[in-house]
PDB file of N, CA and C in Angstrom:
ATOM      1  N   UNK A   1      65.369  94.260  40.129  1.00  0.00           N
ATOM      2  CA  UNK A   1      64.632  93.768  38.570  1.00  0.00           C
ATOM      3  C   UNK A   1      64.200  92.126  39.278  1.00  0.00           C
ATOM      4  N   UNK A   2      63.330  91.833  39.059  1.00  0.00           N
ATOM      5  CA  UNK A   2      62.576  90.743  40.028  1.00  0.00           C
ATOM      6  C   UNK A   2      62.583  89.624  39.022  1.00  0.00           C
ATOM      7  N   UNK A   3      62.716  90.147  37.404  1.00  0.00           N
ATOM      8  CA  UNK A   3      62.940  88.818  36.925  1.00  0.00           C
ATOM      9  C   UNK A   3      64.421  88.293  37.145  1.00  0.00           C
ATOM     10  N   UNK A   4      65.202  88.814  37.211  1.00  0.00           N
ATOM     11  CA  UNK A   4      66.396  88.517  37.251  1.00  0.00           C
ATOM     12  C   UNK A   4      67.110  88.135  38.605  1.00  0.00           C
ATOM     13  N   UNK A   5      66.490  88.300  39.596  1.00  0.00           N
ATOM     14  CA  UNK A   5      66.339  87.575  40.511  1.00  0.00           C
ATOM     15  C   UNK A   5      65.549  86.178  40.555  1.00  0.00           C
ATOM     16  N   UNK A   6      64.542  86.192  39.683  1.00  0.00           N
ATOM     17  CA  UNK A   6      63.983  84.715  39.723  1.00  0.00           C
ATOM     18  C   UNK A   6      64.942  83.815  38.844  1.00  0.00           C
ATOM     19  N   UNK A   7      65.323  84.357  37.991  1.00  0.00           N
ATOM     20  CA  UNK A   7      66.435  83.337  36.978  1.00  0.00           C
ATOM     21  C   UNK A   7      67.298  83.152  37.867  1.00  0.00           C
ATOM     22  N   UNK A   8      67.919  83.914  38.920  1.00  0.00           N
ATOM     23  CA  UNK A   8      69.067  83.284  39.427  1.00  0.00           C
ATOM     24  C   UNK A   8      68.721  82.291  40.534  1.00  0.00           C
ATOM     25  N   UNK A   9      67.403  82.556  41.312  1.00  0.00           N
ATOM     26  CA  UNK A   9      66.942  81.378  42.297  1.00  0.00           C
ATOM     27  C   UNK A   9      66.742  79.900  41.060  1.00  0.00           C
ATOM     28  N   UNK A  10      65.756  80.037  39.925  1.00  0.00           N
ATOM     29  CA  UNK A  10      66.334  79.152  39.445  1.00  0.00           C
ATOM     30  C   UNK A  10      67.414  78.264  39.066  1.00  0.00           C
ATOM     31  N   UNK A  11      68.705  79.312  38.306  1.00  0.00           N
ATOM     32  CA  UNK A  11      69.994  78.703  38.188  1.00  0.00           C
ATOM     33  C   UNK A  11      70.342  77.734  39.533  1.00  0.00           C
ATOM     34  N   UNK A  12      70.226  78.697  40.672  1.00  0.00           N
ATOM     35  CA  UNK A  12      71.107  78.105  42.030  1.00  0.00           C
ATOM     36  C   UNK A  12      70.430  76.912  42.647  1.00  0.00           C
ATOM     37  N   UNK A  13      69.058  76.816  42.143  1.00  0.00           N
ATOM     38  CA  UNK A  13      68.153  76.028  42.889  1.00  0.00           C
ATOM     39  C   UNK A  13      68.323  74.456  41.725  1.00  0.00           C
ATOM     40  N   UNK A  14      68.473  74.724  40.407  1.00  0.00           N
ATOM     41  CA  UNK A  14      68.658  73.710  39.736  1.00  0.00           C
ATOM     42  C   UNK A  14      70.085  73.201  38.987  1.00  0.00           C
ATOM     43  N   UNK A  15      71.474  74.406  39.587  1.00  0.00           N
ATOM     44  CA  UNK A  15      72.773  73.832  39.349  1.00  0.00           C
ATOM     45  C   UNK A  15      73.246  72.627  39.222  1.00  0.00           C
ATOM     46  N   UNK A  16      72.814  71.355  39.752  1.00  0.00           N
ATOM     47  CA  UNK A  16      73.336  70.683  39.755  1.00  0.00           C
ATOM     48  C   UNK A  16      72.680  69.512  38.303  1.00  0.00           C
ATOM     49  N   UNK A  17      71.506  69.728  37.918  1.00  0.00           N
ATOM     50  CA  UNK A  17      71.161  69.224  37.176  1.00  0.00           C
ATOM     51  C   UNK A  17      71.315  70.018  35.633  1.00  0.00           C
ATOM     52  N   UNK A  18      71.330  71.142  35.599  1.00  0.00           N
ATOM     53  CA  UNK A  18      71.801  71.884  34.623  1.00  0.00           C
ATOM     54  C   UNK A  18      73.572  71.751  34.054  1.00  0.00           C
ATOM     55  N   UNK A  19      74.340  71.658  35.109  1.00  0.00           N
ATOM     56  CA  UNK A  19      75.551  71.346  34.684  1.00  0.00           C
ATOM     57  C   UNK A  19      75.778  69.738  34.260  1.00  0.00           C
ATOM     58  N   UNK A  20      74.635  68.989  34.755  1.00  0.00           N
ATOM     59  CA  UNK A  20      75.271  67.515  34.364  1.00  0.00           C
ATOM     60  C   UNK A  20      74.449  67.562  33.000  1.00  0.00           C
ATOM     61  N   UNK A  21      73.412  68.422  32.578  1.00  0.00           N
ATOM     62  CA  UNK A  21      72.973  68.538  31.365  1.00  0.00           C
ATOM     63  C   UNK A  21      74.325  68.923  30.468  1.00  0.00           C
ATOM     64  N   UNK A  22      74.668  69.864  30.654  1.00  0.00           N
ATOM     65  CA  UNK A  22      75.672  70.594  29.553  1.00  0.00           C
ATOM     66  C   UNK A  22      77.213  69.439  29.776  1.00  0.00           C
ATOM     67  N   UNK A  23      77.100  68.521  30.993  1.00  0.00           N
ATOM     68  CA  UNK A  23      78.106  67.463  30.629  1.00  0.00           C
ATOM     69  C   UNK A  23      77.681  66.556  29.730  1.00  0.00           C
ATOM     70  N   UNK A  24      76.720  66.089  29.910  1.00  0.00           N
ATOM     71  CA  UNK A  24      75.771  64.984  29.095  1.00  0.00           C
ATOM     72  C   UNK A  24      76.015  65.617  27.330  1.00  0.00           C
ATOM     73  N   UNK A  25      75.380  66.852  26.817  1.00  0.00           N
ATOM     74  CA  UNK A  25      75.414  67.349  25.933  1.00  0.00           C
ATOM     75  C   UNK A  25      76.715  67.659  24.907  1.00  0.00           C
ATOM     76  N   UNK A  26      77.582  68.122  26.037  1.00  0.00           N
ATOM     77  CA  UNK A  26      78.780  68.688  25.091  1.00  0.00           C
ATOM     78  C   UNK A  26      79.906  67.788  26.054  1.00  0.00           C
ATOM     79  N   UNK A  27      80.044  66.985  26.699  1.00  0.00           N
ATOM     80  CA  UNK A  27      81.247  66.164  27.460  1.00  0.00           C
ATOM     81  C   UNK A  27      82.168  67.167  28.320  1.00  0.00           C
ATOM     82  N   UNK A  28      81.818  68.246  28.378  1.00  0.00           N
ATOM     83  CA  UNK A  28      82.397  69.488  29.084  1.00  0.00           C
ATOM     84  C   UNK A  28      82.386  68.815  30.694  1.00  0.00           C
ATOM     85  N   UNK A  29      83.282  68.536  31.318  1.00  0.00           N
ATOM     86  CA  UNK A  29      83.876  68.207  32.566  1.00  0.00           C
ATOM     87  C   UNK A  29      82.936  69.011  33.505  1.00  0.00           C
ATOM     88  N   UNK A  30      82.017  68.056  34.395  1.00  0.00           N
ATOM     89  CA  UNK A  30      81.159  68.423  35.582  1.00  0.00           C
ATOM     90  C   UNK A  30      82.240  69.796  36.615  1.00  0.00           C
ATOM     91  N   UNK A  31      83.104  69.715  36.431  1.00  0.00           N
ATOM     92  CA  UNK A  31      84.460  70.556  37.118  1.00  0.00           C
ATOM     93  C   UNK A  31      84.044  72.240  36.905  1.00  0.00           C
ATOM     94  N   UNK A  32      83.804  72.080  35.251  1.00  0.00           N
ATOM     95  CA  UNK A  32      83.714  73.445  34.434  1.00  0.00           C
ATOM     96  C   UNK A  32      82.314  73.778  34.254  1.00  0.00           C
ATOM     97  N   UNK A  33      81.308  72.732  34.218  1.00  0.00           N
ATOM     98  CA  UNK A  33      79.884  72.718  34.015  1.00  0.00           C
ATOM     99  C   UNK A  33      79.487  73.687  35.175  1.00  0.00           C
ATOM    100  N   UNK A  34      79.800  73.237  36.429  1.00  0.00           N
ATOM    101  CA  UNK A  34      78.667  73.835  37.615  1.00  0.00           C
ATOM    102  C   UNK A  34      79.541  75.579  37.774  1.00  0.00           C
ATOM    103  N   UNK A  35      80.598  75.969  37.625  1.00  0.00           N
ATOM    104  CA  UNK A  35      80.875  77.210  37.422  1.00  0.00           C
ATOM    105  C   UNK A  35      80.275  77.948  36.541  1.00  0.00           C
ATOM    106  N   UNK A  36      79.911  77.490  35.316  1.00  0.00           N
ATOM    107  CA  UNK A  36      79.519  78.079  34.346  1.00  0.00           C
ATOM    108  C   UNK A  36      78.055  78.513  34.754  1.00  0.00           C
ATOM    109  N   UNK A  37      77.011  77.498  35.156  1.00  0.00           N
ATOM    110  CA  UNK A  37      75.817  78.022  36.125  1.00  0.00           C
ATOM    111  C   UNK A  37      75.937  78.803  37.154  1.00  0.00           C
ATOM    112  N   UNK A  38      76.890  79.036  38.100  1.00  0.00           N
ATOM    113  CA  UNK A  38      77.306  79.891  38.897  1.00  0.00           C
ATOM    114  C   UNK A  38      77.285  81.174  38.516  1.00  0.00           C
ATOM    115  N   UNK A  39      78.250  81.184  37.362  1.00  0.00           N
ATOM    116  CA  UNK A  39      78.616  82.375  36.834  1.00  0.00           C
ATOM    117  C   UNK A  39      77.231  83.128  36.389  1.00  0.00           C
ATOM    118  N   UNK A  40      76.561  82.649  35.708  1.00  0.00           N
ATOM    119  CA  UNK A  40      74.964  82.829  35.097  1.00  0.00           C
ATOM    120  C   UNK A  40      74.147  83.286  36.054  1.00  0.00           C
ATOM    121  N   UNK A  41      74.199  82.844  37.227  1.00  0.00           N
ATOM    122  CA  UNK A  41      73.517  82.863  38.561  1.00  0.00           C
ATOM    123  C   UNK A  41      74.053  84.539  39.055  1.00  0.00           C
ATOM    124  N   UNK A  42      75.145  84.545  38.739  1.00  0.00           N
ATOM    125  CA  UNK A  42      75.975  85.543  39.310  1.00  0.00           C
ATOM    126  C   UNK A  42      75.646  87.053  38.659  1.00  0.00           C
ATOM    127  N   UNK A  43      75.814  86.676  36.974  1.00  0.00           N
ATOM    128  CA  UNK A  43      75.308  87.778  36.325  1.00  0.00           C
ATOM    129  C   UNK A  43      73.667  88.208  36.645  1.00  0.00           C
ATOM    130  N   UNK A  44      73.356  87.517  36.790  1.00  0.00           N
ATOM    131  CA  UNK A  44      71.687  87.766  37.386  1.00  0.00           C
ATOM    132  C   UNK A  44      71.769  88.478  38.635  1.00  0.00           C
ATOM    133  N   UNK A  45      72.864  88.003  39.448  1.00  0.00           N
ATOM    134  CA  UNK A  45      72.688  89.283  40.374  1.00  0.00           C
ATOM    135  C   UNK A  45      73.220  90.272  40.274  1.00  0.00           C
ATOM    136  N   UNK A  46      74.133  90.389  39.475  1.00  0.00           N
ATOM    137  CA  UNK A  46      74.416  91.818  38.888  1.00  0.00           C
ATOM    138  C   UNK A  46      73.399  92.716  38.581  1.00  0.00           C
ATOM    139  N   UNK A  47      72.658  92.179  37.546  1.00  0.00           N
ATOM    140  CA  UNK A  47      72.200  93.101  36.942  1.00  0.00           C
ATOM    141  C   UNK A  47      70.348  93.003  37.939  1.00  0.00           C
ATOM    142  N   UNK A  48      70.346  92.073  38.748  1.00  0.00           N
ATOM    143  CA  UNK A  48      69.242  92.652  39.811  1.00  0.00           C
ATOM    144  C   UNK A  48      69.402  93.897  40.565  1.00  0.00           C
ATOM    145  N   UNK A  49      70.998  93.640  40.933  1.00  0.00           N
ATOM    146  CA  UNK A  49      71.207  94.865  41.923  1.00  0.00           C
ATOM    147  C   UNK A  49      71.273  95.982  41.023  1.00  0.00           C
ATOM    148  N   UNK A  50      72.085  96.224  39.723  1.00  0.00           N
ATOM    149  CA  UNK A  50      72.141  97.567  38.953  1.00  0.00           C
ATOM    150  C   UNK A  50      71.728  97.972  38.142  1.00  0.00           C
ATOM    151  N   UNK A  51      70.955  97.026  37.496  1.00  0.00           N
ATOM    152  CA  UNK A  51      70.477  97.533  36.036  1.00  0.00           C
ATOM    153  C   UNK A  51      69.486  98.764  36.243  1.00  0.00           C
ATOM    154  N   UNK A  52      68.802  99.280  37.049  1.00  0.00           N
ATOM    155  CA  UNK A  52      68.090 100.442  36.977  1.00  0.00           C
ATOM    156  C   UNK A  52      68.912 101.340  37.075  1.00  0.00           C
ATOM    157  N   UNK A  53      70.111 101.433  37.952  1.00  0.00           N
ATOM    158  CA  UNK A  53      71.062 102.195  37.943  1.00  0.00           C
ATOM    159  C   UNK A  53      71.715 102.468  36.607  1.00  0.00           C
ATOM    160  N   UNK A  54      72.074 101.336  36.091  1.00  0.00           N
ATOM    161  CA  UNK A  54      72.784 101.643  34.317  1.00  0.00           C
ATOM    162  C   UNK A  54      72.168 101.746  33.268  1.00  0.00           C
ATOM    163  N   UNK A  55      70.620 101.605  33.574  1.00  0.00           N
ATOM    164  CA  UNK A  55      69.552 102.318  32.449  1.00  0.00           C
ATOM    165  C   UNK A  55      68.847 103.686  32.853  1.00  0.00           C
ATOM    166  N   UNK A  56      69.624 104.076  33.898  1.00  0.00           N
ATOM    167  CA  UNK A  56      69.148 105.573  34.228  1.00  0.00           C
ATOM    168  C   UNK A  56      69.282 106.798  33.221  1.00  0.00           C
ATOM    169  N   UNK A  57      68.665 107.520  33.327  1.00  0.00           N
ATOM    170  CA  UNK A  57      68.837 108.626  32.119  1.00  0.00           C
ATOM    171  C   UNK A  57      69.955 109.374  32.413  1.00  0.00           C
ATOM    172  N   UNK A  58      70.767 109.703  31.728  1.00  0.00           N
ATOM    173  CA  UNK A  58      72.535 110.477  32.173  1.00  0.00           C
ATOM    174  C   UNK A  58      72.444 111.897  32.022  1.00  0.00           C
ATOM    175  N   UNK A  59      72.213 112.968  32.381  1.00  0.00           N
ATOM    176  CA  UNK A  59      72.363 114.336  32.203  1.00  0.00           C
ATOM    177  C   UNK A  59      73.369 114.625  31.303  1.00  0.00           C
ATOM    178  N   UNK A  60      72.969 115.854  30.475  1.00  0.00           N
ATOM    179  CA  UNK A  60      74.458 115.834  29.602  1.00  0.00           C
ATOM    180  C   UNK A  60      74.972 117.348  30.518  1.00  0.00           C
ATOM    181  N   UNK A  61      76.310 117.546  30.999  1.00  0.00           N
ATOM    182  CA  UNK A  61      76.459 118.751  32.205  1.00  0.00           C
ATOM    183  C   UNK A  61      76.126 120.256  31.186  1.00  0.00           C
ATOM    184  N   UNK A  62      75.338 120.937  32.143  1.00  0.00           N
ATOM    185  CA  UNK A  62      75.321 122.040  31.797  1.00  0.00           C
ATOM    186  C   UNK A  62      74.364 122.114  30.637  1.00  0.00           C
ATOM    187  N   UNK A  63      73.522 121.166  30.045  1.00  0.00           N
ATOM    188  CA  UNK A  63      72.692 121.443  28.804  1.00  0.00           C
ATOM    189  C   UNK A  63      71.168 120.704  29.695  1.00  0.00           C
ATOM    190  N   UNK A  64      70.042 121.058  29.219  1.00  0.00           N
ATOM    191  CA  UNK A  64      68.826 120.467  29.562  1.00  0.00           C
ATOM    192  C   UNK A  64      68.613 119.615  28.575  1.00  0.00           C
ATOM    193  N   UNK A  65      69.482 118.509  28.568  1.00  0.00           N
ATOM    194  CA  UNK A  65      69.328 117.280  28.032  1.00  0.00           C
ATOM    195  C   UNK A  65      69.972 116.234  28.554  1.00  0.00           C
ATOM    196  N   UNK A  66      69.770 115.214  28.181  1.00  0.00           N
ATOM    197  CA  UNK A  66      70.268 113.802  28.573  1.00  0.00           C
ATOM    198  C   UNK A  66      70.227 112.741  27.719  1.00  0.00           C
ATOM    199  N   UNK A  67      70.689 111.576  28.143  1.00  0.00           N
ATOM    200  CA  UNK A  67      71.210 110.480  27.373  1.00  0.00           C
ATOM    201  C   UNK A  67      70.205 109.532  27.915  1.00  0.00           C
ATOM    202  N   UNK A  68      69.479 108.938  27.301  1.00  0.00           N
ATOM    203  CA  UNK A  68      68.554 107.850  27.569  1.00  0.00           C
ATOM    204  C   UNK A  68      68.473 106.871  26.840  1.00  0.00           C
ATOM    205  N   UNK A  69      68.479 105.548  27.728  1.00  0.00           N
ATOM    206  CA  UNK A  69      68.392 104.283  27.301  1.00  0.00           C
ATOM    207  C   UNK A  69      67.178 103.767  26.769  1.00  0.00           C
ATOM    208  N   UNK A  70      66.967 103.578  25.569  1.00  0.00           N
ATOM    209  CA  UNK A  70      65.624 103.053  25.257  1.00  0.00           C
ATOM    210  C   UNK A  70      65.507 101.527  24.482  1.00  0.00           C
ATOM    211  N   UNK A  71      64.507 101.032  24.979  1.00  0.00           N
ATOM    212  CA  UNK A  71      64.517  99.559  24.564  1.00  0.00           C
ATOM    213  C   UNK A  71      64.843  98.946  23.114  1.00  0.00           C
ATOM    214  N   UNK A  72      65.418  98.653  22.349  1.00  0.00           N
ATOM    215  CA  UNK A  72      66.026  98.220  20.986  1.00  0.00           C
ATOM    216  C   UNK A  72      64.666  97.428  20.230  1.00  0.00           C
ATOM    217  N   UNK A  73      64.087  96.981  21.020  1.00  0.00           N
ATOM    218  CA  UNK A  73      62.944  95.927  19.962  1.00  0.00           C
ATOM    219  C   UNK A  73      62.926  94.200  20.494  1.00  0.00           C
ATOM    220  N   UNK A  74      63.493  93.740  19.227  1.00  0.00           N
ATOM    221  CA  UNK A  74      63.894  92.211  19.210  1.00  0.00           C
ATOM    222  C   UNK A  74      65.560  91.944  19.285  1.00  0.00           C
ATOM    223  N   UNK A  75      66.068  91.840  19.819  1.00  0.00           N
ATOM    224  CA  UNK A  75      67.854  91.257  19.693  1.00  0.00           C
ATOM    225  C   UNK A  75      67.724  89.826  19.525  1.00  0.00           C
ATOM    226  N   UNK A  76      68.391  89.672  18.216  1.00  0.00           N
ATOM    227  CA  UNK A  76      68.304  88.330  17.869  1.00  0.00           C
ATOM    228  C   UNK A  76      69.928  87.934  18.071  1.00  0.00           C
ATOM    229  N   UNK A  77      70.083  86.636  18.517  1.00  0.00           N
ATOM    230  CA  UNK A  77      71.628  86.096  19.134  1.00  0.00           C
ATOM    231  C   UNK A  77      71.889  84.862  18.311  1.00  0.00           C
ATOM    232  N   UNK A  78      72.570  84.497  17.747  1.00  0.00           N
ATOM    233  CA  UNK A  78      72.980  83.265  17.333  1.00  0.00           C
ATOM    234  C   UNK A  78      74.419  82.814  18.100  1.00  0.00           C
ATOM    235  N   UNK A  79      74.203  81.324  18.885  1.00  0.00           N
ATOM    236  CA  UNK A  79      75.360  81.369  20.095  1.00  0.00           C
ATOM    237  C   UNK A  79      76.152  80.069  19.868  1.00  0.00           C
ATOM    238  N   UNK A  80      77.145  79.877  20.297  1.00  0.00           N
ATOM    239  CA  UNK A  80      77.763  78.984  19.729  1.00  0.00           C
ATOM    240  C   UNK A  80      77.796  77.795  20.858  1.00  0.00           C
ATOM    241  N   UNK A  81      78.413  76.697  21.055  1.00  0.00           N
ATOM    242  CA  UNK A  81      78.100  75.557  22.043  1.00  0.00           C
ATOM    243  C   UNK A  81      78.765  75.642  23.122  1.00  0.00           C
ATOM    244  N   UNK A  82      80.037  75.984  22.980  1.00  0.00           N
ATOM    245  CA  UNK A  82      80.988  75.698  23.952  1.00  0.00           C
ATOM    246  C   UNK A  82      80.652  76.167  25.701  1.00  0.00           C
ATOM    247  N   UNK A  83      79.725  77.195  25.405  1.00  0.00           N
ATOM    248  CA  UNK A  83      79.147  77.697  27.076  1.00  0.00           C
ATOM    249  C   UNK A  83      77.920  77.777  27.085  1.00  0.00           C
ATOM    250  N   UNK A  84      76.810  76.977  26.926  1.00  0.00           N
ATOM    251  CA  UNK A  84      75.515  76.753  26.261  1.00  0.00           C
ATOM    252  C   UNK A  84      74.994  77.756  27.370  1.00  0.00           C
ATOM    253  N   UNK A  85      75.198  78.321  28.376  1.00  0.00           N
ATOM    254  CA  UNK A  85      74.546  78.665  29.152  1.00  0.00           C
ATOM    255  C   UNK A  85      75.195  80.567  29.591  1.00  0.00           C
ATOM    256  N   UNK A  86      76.335  80.295  30.091  1.00  0.00           N
ATOM    257  CA  UNK A  86      76.718  81.637  29.776  1.00  0.00           C
ATOM    258  C   UNK A  86      76.969  82.679  28.358  1.00  0.00           C
ATOM    259  N   UNK A  87      77.265  81.973  27.286  1.00  0.00           N
ATOM    260  CA  UNK A  87      77.082  82.502  25.982  1.00  0.00           C
ATOM    261  C   UNK A  87      75.932  83.274  25.993  1.00  0.00           C
ATOM    262  N   UNK A  88      74.553  82.859  26.577  1.00  0.00           N
ATOM    263  CA  UNK A  88      73.395  82.903  25.931  1.00  0.00           C
ATOM    264  C   UNK A  88      72.745  84.121  27.059  1.00  0.00           C
ATOM    265  N   UNK A  89      73.105  83.606  28.559  1.00  0.00           N
ATOM    266  CA  UNK A  89      72.605  84.468  29.866  1.00  0.00           C
ATOM    267  C   UNK A  89      73.364  85.907  29.791  1.00  0.00           C
ATOM    268  N   UNK A  90      74.448  85.671  29.138  1.00  0.00           N
ATOM    269  CA  UNK A  90      75.413  87.022  29.427  1.00  0.00           C
ATOM    270  C   UNK A  90      74.654  88.239  28.662  1.00  0.00           C
ATOM    271  N   UNK A  91      73.658  87.575  27.648  1.00  0.00           N
ATOM    272  CA  UNK A  91      73.447  88.987  26.704  1.00  0.00           C
ATOM    273  C   UNK A  91      71.880  89.116  26.938  1.00  0.00           C
ATOM    274  N   UNK A  92      71.318  87.717  27.757  1.00  0.00           N
ATOM    275  CA  UNK A  92      70.325  88.041  27.810  1.00  0.00           C
ATOM    276  C   UNK A  92      69.467  88.615  29.000  1.00  0.00           C
ATOM    277  N   UNK A  93      69.807  88.462  30.010  1.00  0.00           N
ATOM    278  CA  UNK A  93      69.729  89.389  30.997  1.00  0.00           C
ATOM    279  C   UNK A  93      69.465  90.491  31.098  1.00  0.00           C
ATOM    280  N   UNK A  94      71.021  91.191  30.477  1.00  0.00           N
ATOM    281  CA  UNK A  94      70.959  92.863  30.545  1.00  0.00           C
ATOM    282  C   UNK A  94      69.918  93.139  29.160  1.00  0.00           C
ATOM    283  N   UNK A  95      69.604  92.627  28.163  1.00  0.00           N
ATOM    284  CA  UNK A  95      69.016  93.127  26.986  1.00  0.00           C
ATOM    285  C   UNK A  95      67.374  93.008  27.406  1.00  0.00           C
ATOM    286  N   UNK A  96      66.708  91.893  28.531  1.00  0.00           N
ATOM    287  CA  UNK A  96      65.740  91.794  28.766  1.00  0.00           C
ATOM    288  C   UNK A  96      65.415  92.722  29.726  1.00  0.00           C
ATOM    289  N   UNK A  97      66.443  93.420  30.920  1.00  0.00           N
ATOM    290  CA  UNK A  97      66.515  93.993  31.941  1.00  0.00           C
ATOM    291  C   UNK A  97      66.239  95.862  31.098  1.00  0.00           C
ATOM    292  N   UNK A  98      66.350  95.756  30.074  1.00  0.00           N
ATOM    293  CA  UNK A  98      66.596  96.985  29.028  1.00  0.00           C
ATOM    294  C   UNK A  98      64.871  97.395  28.235  1.00  0.00           C
ATOM    295  N   UNK A  99      64.513  96.077  28.925  1.00  0.00           N
ATOM    296  CA  UNK A  99      63.312  96.166  28.062  1.00  0.00           C
ATOM    297  C   UNK A  99      63.023  95.345  26.462  1.00  0.00           C
ATOM    298  N   UNK A 100      63.949  94.671  25.927  1.00  0.00           N
ATOM    299  CA  UNK A 100      63.907  94.403  25.178  1.00  0.00           C
ATOM    300  C   UNK A 100      63.297  92.443  24.842  1.00  0.00           C
ATOM    301  N   UNK A 101      62.994  92.393  23.674  1.00  0.00           N
ATOM    302  CA  UNK A 101      62.865  90.787  23.469  1.00  0.00           C
ATOM    303  C   UNK A 101      63.670  90.288  23.049  1.00  0.00           C
ATOM    304  N   UNK A 102      64.040  89.000  23.480  1.00  0.00           N
ATOM    305  CA  UNK A 102      65.203  88.096  22.895  1.00  0.00           C
ATOM    306  C   UNK A 102      64.778  86.793  22.206  1.00  0.00           C
ATOM    307  N   UNK A 103      65.231  87.038  20.859  1.00  0.00           N
ATOM    308  CA  UNK A 103      64.881  85.714  20.111  1.00  0.00           C
ATOM    309  C   UNK A 103      66.401  84.891  19.774  1.00  0.00           C
ATOM    310  N   UNK A 104      66.390  83.432  20.175  1.00  0.00           N
ATOM    311  CA  UNK A 104      67.713  82.874  19.821  1.00  0.00           C
ATOM    312  C   UNK A 104      67.970  81.748  19.255  1.00  0.00           C
ATOM    313  N   UNK A 105      68.704  81.904  18.594  1.00  0.00           N
ATOM    314  CA  UNK A 105      69.522  80.510  17.820  1.00  0.00           C
ATOM    315  C   UNK A 105      69.923  79.541  18.521  1.00  0.00           C
ATOM    316  N   UNK A 106      70.130  78.927  19.214  1.00  0.00           N
ATOM    317  CA  UNK A 106      71.385  78.515  19.707  1.00  0.00           C
ATOM    318  C   UNK A 106      71.512  77.251  19.079  1.00  0.00           C
ATOM    319  N   UNK A 107      72.828  76.645  19.218  1.00  0.00           N
ATOM    320  CA  UNK A 107      73.679  75.451  18.642  1.00  0.00           C
ATOM    321  C   UNK A 107      72.925  74.081  18.645  1.00  0.00           C
ATOM    322  N   UNK A 108      72.970  73.480  17.714  1.00  0.00           N
ATOM    323  CA  UNK A 108      71.911  72.151  17.733  1.00  0.00           C
ATOM    324  C   UNK A 108      72.638  71.295  18.546  1.00  0.00           C
ATOM    325  N   UNK A 109      73.957  71.565  18.967  1.00  0.00           N
ATOM    326  CA  UNK A 109      74.273  70.663  19.690  1.00  0.00           C
ATOM    327  C   UNK A 109      74.241  70.229  21.183  1.00  0.00           C
ATOM    328  N   UNK A 110      73.414  71.200  21.397  1.00  0.00           N
ATOM    329  CA  UNK A 110      73.229  71.635  22.922  1.00  0.00           C
ATOM    330  C   UNK A 110      70.982  72.054  23.000  1.00  0.00           C
ATOM    331  N   UNK A 111      70.559  71.454  22.665  1.00  0.00           N
ATOM    332  CA  UNK A 111      69.145  71.420  22.532  1.00  0.00           C
ATOM    333  C   UNK A 111      68.530  71.530  23.548  1.00  0.00           C
ATOM    334  N   UNK A 112      69.197  70.489  24.526  1.00  0.00           N
ATOM    335  CA  UNK A 112      68.641  70.526  25.739  1.00  0.00           C
ATOM    336  C   UNK A 112      69.020  71.398  26.600  1.00  0.00           C
ATOM    337  N   UNK A 113      69.898  72.296  26.613  1.00  0.00           N
ATOM    338  CA  UNK A 113      70.167  73.194  27.338  1.00  0.00           C
ATOM    339  C   UNK A 113      69.425  74.234  26.753  1.00  0.00           C
ATOM    340  N   UNK A 114      69.041  74.334  25.229  1.00  0.00           N
ATOM    341  CA  UNK A 114      68.453  75.646  24.800  1.00  0.00           C
ATOM    342  C   UNK A 114      67.247  75.887  25.475  1.00  0.00           C
ATOM    343  N   UNK A 115      66.622  74.412  25.627  1.00  0.00           N
ATOM    344  CA  UNK A 115      65.054  73.843  26.236  1.00  0.00           C
ATOM    345  C   UNK A 115      65.299  74.226  27.722  1.00  0.00           C
ATOM    346  N   UNK A 116      65.956  73.942  28.380  1.00  0.00           N
ATOM    347  CA  UNK A 116      65.977  74.595  29.757  1.00  0.00           C
ATOM    348  C   UNK A 116      66.379  75.910  29.773  1.00  0.00           C
ATOM    349  N   UNK A 117      66.913  76.649  28.887  1.00  0.00           N
ATOM    350  CA  UNK A 117      67.074  78.175  29.190  1.00  0.00           C
ATOM    351  C   UNK A 117      65.918  78.731  28.878  1.00  0.00           C
ATOM    352  N   UNK A 118      64.915  78.282  28.344  1.00  0.00           N
ATOM    353  CA  UNK A 118      63.478  78.661  28.304  1.00  0.00           C
ATOM    354  C   UNK A 118      63.019  78.130  29.649  1.00  0.00           C
ATOM    355  N   UNK A 119      63.135  77.079  29.987  1.00  0.00           N
ATOM    356  CA  UNK A 119      62.686  76.515  31.256  1.00  0.00           C
ATOM    357  C   UNK A 119      62.872  77.692  32.698  1.00  0.00           C
ATOM    358  N   UNK A 120      64.130  78.094  32.288  1.00  0.00           N
ATOM    359  CA  UNK A 120      64.700  79.271  33.306  1.00  0.00           C
ATOM    360  C   UNK A 120      63.982  80.420  33.217  1.00  0.00           C
ATOM    361  N   UNK A 121      64.228  80.740  32.426  1.00  0.00           N
ATOM    362  CA  UNK A 121      63.539  81.869  31.623  1.00  0.00           C
ATOM    363  C   UNK A 121      62.018  82.286  31.637  1.00  0.00           C
ATOM    364  N   UNK A 122      61.473  81.352  30.989  1.00  0.00           N
ATOM    365  CA  UNK A 122      59.908  81.642  31.142  1.00  0.00           C
ATOM    366  C   UNK A 122      59.059  81.832  32.600  1.00  0.00           C
ATOM    367  N   UNK A 123      59.340  81.199  33.587  1.00  0.00           N
ATOM    368  CA  UNK A 123      58.482  81.554  35.015  1.00  0.00           C
ATOM    369  C   UNK A 123      59.289  82.734  35.159  1.00  0.00           C
ATOM    370  N   UNK A 124      60.842  83.124  35.119  1.00  0.00           N
ATOM    371  CA  UNK A 124      61.340  84.420  35.676  1.00  0.00           C
ATOM    372  C   UNK A 124      60.589  85.538  35.051  1.00  0.00           C
ATOM    373  N   UNK A 125      60.188  85.364  34.225  1.00  0.00           N
ATOM    374  CA  UNK A 125      59.802  86.565  33.316  1.00  0.00           C
ATOM    375  C   UNK A 125      58.108  87.061  33.525  1.00  0.00           C
ATOM    376  N   UNK A 126      57.718  85.914  34.216  1.00  0.00           N
ATOM    377  CA  UNK A 126      56.197  86.043  34.286  1.00  0.00           C
ATOM    378  C   UNK A 126      56.242  87.002  35.425  1.00  0.00           C
ATOM    379  N   UNK A 127      55.298  88.094  35.154  1.00  0.00           N
ATOM    380  CA  UNK A 127      54.869  88.950  36.084  1.00  0.00           C
ATOM    381  C   UNK A 127      54.257  88.550  37.289  1.00  0.00           C
ATOM    382  N   UNK A 128      54.892  88.782  38.553  1.00  0.00           N
ATOM    383  CA  UNK A 128      53.897  88.926  39.631  1.00  0.00           C
ATOM    384  C   UNK A 128      54.371  87.388  40.525  1.00  0.00           C
ATOM    385  N   UNK A 129      55.247  86.600  39.901  1.00  0.00           N
ATOM    386  CA  UNK A 129      55.805  85.985  40.192  1.00  0.00           C
ATOM    387  C   UNK A 129      56.692  85.625  41.191  1.00  0.00           C
TER     388      UNK A 129
END
């Protein structure tokens, strides 16, 4: 999944600045903010590698039938402030991988983090880049 790989690259490339933003906005120690960003990049790695297999149709034994995973449409999330990147990306990456659109209402405590999430996801989701 190309967009997850792009998001991973952006997260790792901007990790120091993103962690510093988390620290400024919510006073989380930098020693906790940095691993949060890396955890997000790790989730992007996981879905980049395995999303296709996770979403593949599964045959039902002995029948001419299968379980198929289809997009739901728009997935809406209201997220808390305490893990401003992780709480969002742990659901956004698989939702996008499954072909859904995501609408996020982030906590007003971490508006800068919400804007940076958009800055990570928008270029990652552009086709051909």
